Protein backbone atom coordinates (compact mmCIF):
# COMPACT_ATOMS: atom_id res chain seq x y z
CA MET A 1 -35.86 -31.21 22.57
CA ASN A 2 -38.42 -33.81 23.66
CA ASN A 3 -38.86 -37.06 21.70
CA ALA A 4 -42.19 -36.07 20.09
CA LEU A 5 -40.80 -32.73 18.92
CA HIS A 6 -37.62 -34.39 17.61
CA ALA A 7 -39.67 -37.00 15.71
CA ALA A 8 -41.86 -34.27 14.20
CA ALA A 9 -38.79 -32.31 13.06
CA VAL A 10 -37.27 -35.41 11.43
CA ALA A 11 -40.58 -36.25 9.72
CA ALA A 12 -40.87 -32.70 8.36
CA LEU A 13 -37.36 -32.80 6.92
CA LEU A 14 -37.99 -36.20 5.32
CA ALA A 15 -41.22 -34.96 3.81
CA THR A 16 -39.41 -32.05 2.15
CA GLY A 17 -36.86 -34.32 0.48
CA GLY A 18 -34.05 -33.71 2.96
CA CYS A 19 -33.32 -37.41 3.51
CA SER A 20 -29.53 -37.16 3.14
CA LEU A 21 -29.60 -33.97 5.22
CA VAL A 22 -31.21 -35.89 8.08
CA THR A 23 -29.39 -39.22 7.74
CA GLY A 24 -25.92 -37.88 6.93
CA GLY A 25 -25.96 -39.72 3.58
CA GLU A 26 -24.88 -43.19 2.52
CA LEU A 27 -21.81 -44.75 4.11
CA ILE A 28 -20.84 -46.50 0.88
CA ARG A 29 -21.11 -44.60 -2.39
CA PRO A 30 -21.50 -46.87 -5.46
CA GLY A 31 -18.35 -47.40 -7.49
CA GLU A 32 -15.95 -45.94 -4.91
CA PRO A 33 -13.21 -47.81 -3.04
CA THR A 34 -13.97 -48.59 0.60
CA GLY A 35 -12.18 -48.63 3.92
CA ALA A 36 -13.47 -48.82 7.47
CA ILE A 37 -14.00 -46.68 10.54
CA GLU A 38 -13.62 -48.53 13.83
CA ILE A 39 -15.04 -46.92 16.94
CA ARG A 40 -13.19 -48.16 20.06
CA ASN A 41 -14.60 -47.57 23.51
CA VAL A 42 -11.61 -47.27 25.85
CA SER A 43 -13.81 -46.29 28.80
CA ARG A 44 -13.83 -48.64 31.76
CA SER A 45 -17.36 -47.76 32.82
CA ALA A 46 -19.47 -46.10 30.10
CA GLY A 47 -20.99 -47.46 26.89
CA ILE A 48 -21.19 -45.57 23.60
CA ASP A 49 -24.87 -45.35 22.69
CA VAL A 50 -24.74 -43.14 19.60
CA VAL A 51 -22.38 -42.98 16.60
CA MET A 52 -23.13 -40.39 13.93
CA MET A 53 -21.07 -39.97 10.78
CA SER A 54 -21.27 -38.28 7.44
CA ASP A 55 -19.12 -37.35 4.49
CA CYS A 56 -17.25 -34.13 5.34
CA SER A 57 -19.23 -32.23 2.70
CA ALA A 58 -22.59 -33.01 4.36
CA SER A 59 -24.27 -30.32 6.44
CA THR A 60 -25.11 -32.65 9.35
CA TYR A 61 -23.68 -35.67 11.15
CA GLY A 62 -27.00 -37.42 10.60
CA LEU A 63 -28.70 -40.06 12.69
CA ASN A 64 -27.32 -42.85 14.89
CA ARG A 65 -25.48 -45.45 12.76
CA LEU A 66 -25.41 -48.16 15.44
CA PRO A 67 -27.99 -50.96 15.18
CA SER A 68 -31.17 -50.22 17.11
CA GLY A 69 -30.73 -50.86 20.83
CA TYR A 70 -26.98 -51.53 20.50
CA SER A 71 -24.33 -49.86 22.65
CA ILE A 72 -20.55 -50.30 22.34
CA PRO A 73 -19.58 -51.67 25.76
CA PRO A 74 -16.51 -50.53 27.73
CA GLY A 75 -13.47 -52.11 26.08
CA GLY A 76 -15.48 -52.97 22.94
CA SER A 77 -15.45 -51.72 19.37
CA TYR A 78 -17.70 -51.49 16.31
CA ARG A 79 -16.57 -51.29 12.68
CA PHE A 80 -18.34 -49.49 9.82
CA THR A 81 -17.45 -50.04 6.15
CA VAL A 82 -17.42 -46.66 4.39
CA SER A 83 -16.30 -45.11 1.12
CA ALA A 84 -12.71 -43.89 1.28
CA GLY A 85 -12.33 -40.17 1.93
CA CYS A 86 -13.06 -37.53 4.55
CA TRP A 87 -15.60 -38.32 7.31
CA ASP A 88 -17.02 -36.38 10.24
CA VAL A 89 -17.66 -38.70 13.18
CA GLY A 90 -19.49 -38.03 16.44
CA ALA A 91 -20.06 -40.45 19.29
CA GLY A 92 -21.45 -40.31 22.78
CA GLU A 93 -23.33 -41.73 25.71
CA VAL A 94 -26.95 -40.91 26.51
CA LEU A 95 -27.15 -40.14 30.25
CA SER A 96 -30.83 -39.18 30.38
CA GLN A 97 -33.52 -37.75 28.10
CA ASN A 98 -31.89 -34.30 28.24
CA SER A 99 -28.26 -35.11 29.00
CA TRP A 100 -25.39 -36.75 27.11
CA THR A 101 -21.63 -36.78 26.64
CA GLN A 102 -20.17 -36.44 23.17
CA GLY A 103 -17.01 -36.14 21.12
CA PHE A 104 -16.38 -35.30 17.46
CA ALA A 105 -13.53 -35.88 15.00
CA ARG A 106 -12.77 -35.29 11.32
CA ILE A 107 -10.89 -38.24 9.88
CA SER A 108 -9.55 -39.52 6.58
CA VAL A 109 -10.18 -43.12 5.51
CA GLY A 110 -7.86 -44.67 2.94
CA PRO A 111 -8.95 -47.37 0.47
CA GLY A 112 -8.61 -50.79 2.12
CA GLN A 113 -7.55 -49.26 5.44
CA VAL A 114 -9.14 -49.20 8.90
CA THR A 115 -9.13 -45.81 10.63
CA VAL A 116 -9.58 -46.10 14.39
CA VAL A 117 -11.39 -43.48 16.46
CA GLN A 118 -11.38 -44.06 20.19
CA SER A 119 -13.32 -42.62 23.08
CA ARG A 120 -11.66 -40.49 25.71
């Protein structure tokens, strides 16, 4: 899907009230205990450009949760504070406009705990 078409699809979903459908929902739900998800890049040569995550009950992984323009470098990590519970996590590297590598995992985050997900 080209960038203009992707942007139009996202805009249409937002306009119809599907914000949590598109974004994957909030990482921290008010009043719930929190833990953390740490994404570790064990690659020696490739960065992780995209990290998507959502509560396991959401219908989509949502949008990239990394700060704009940020990539997790080889040997690096990035930590997200999230509500405790079940999370679907996807991460990958953008190779070109129409090509990428990706991996997905379903994980459980305990209150006050850090759950580590690492690249291949």
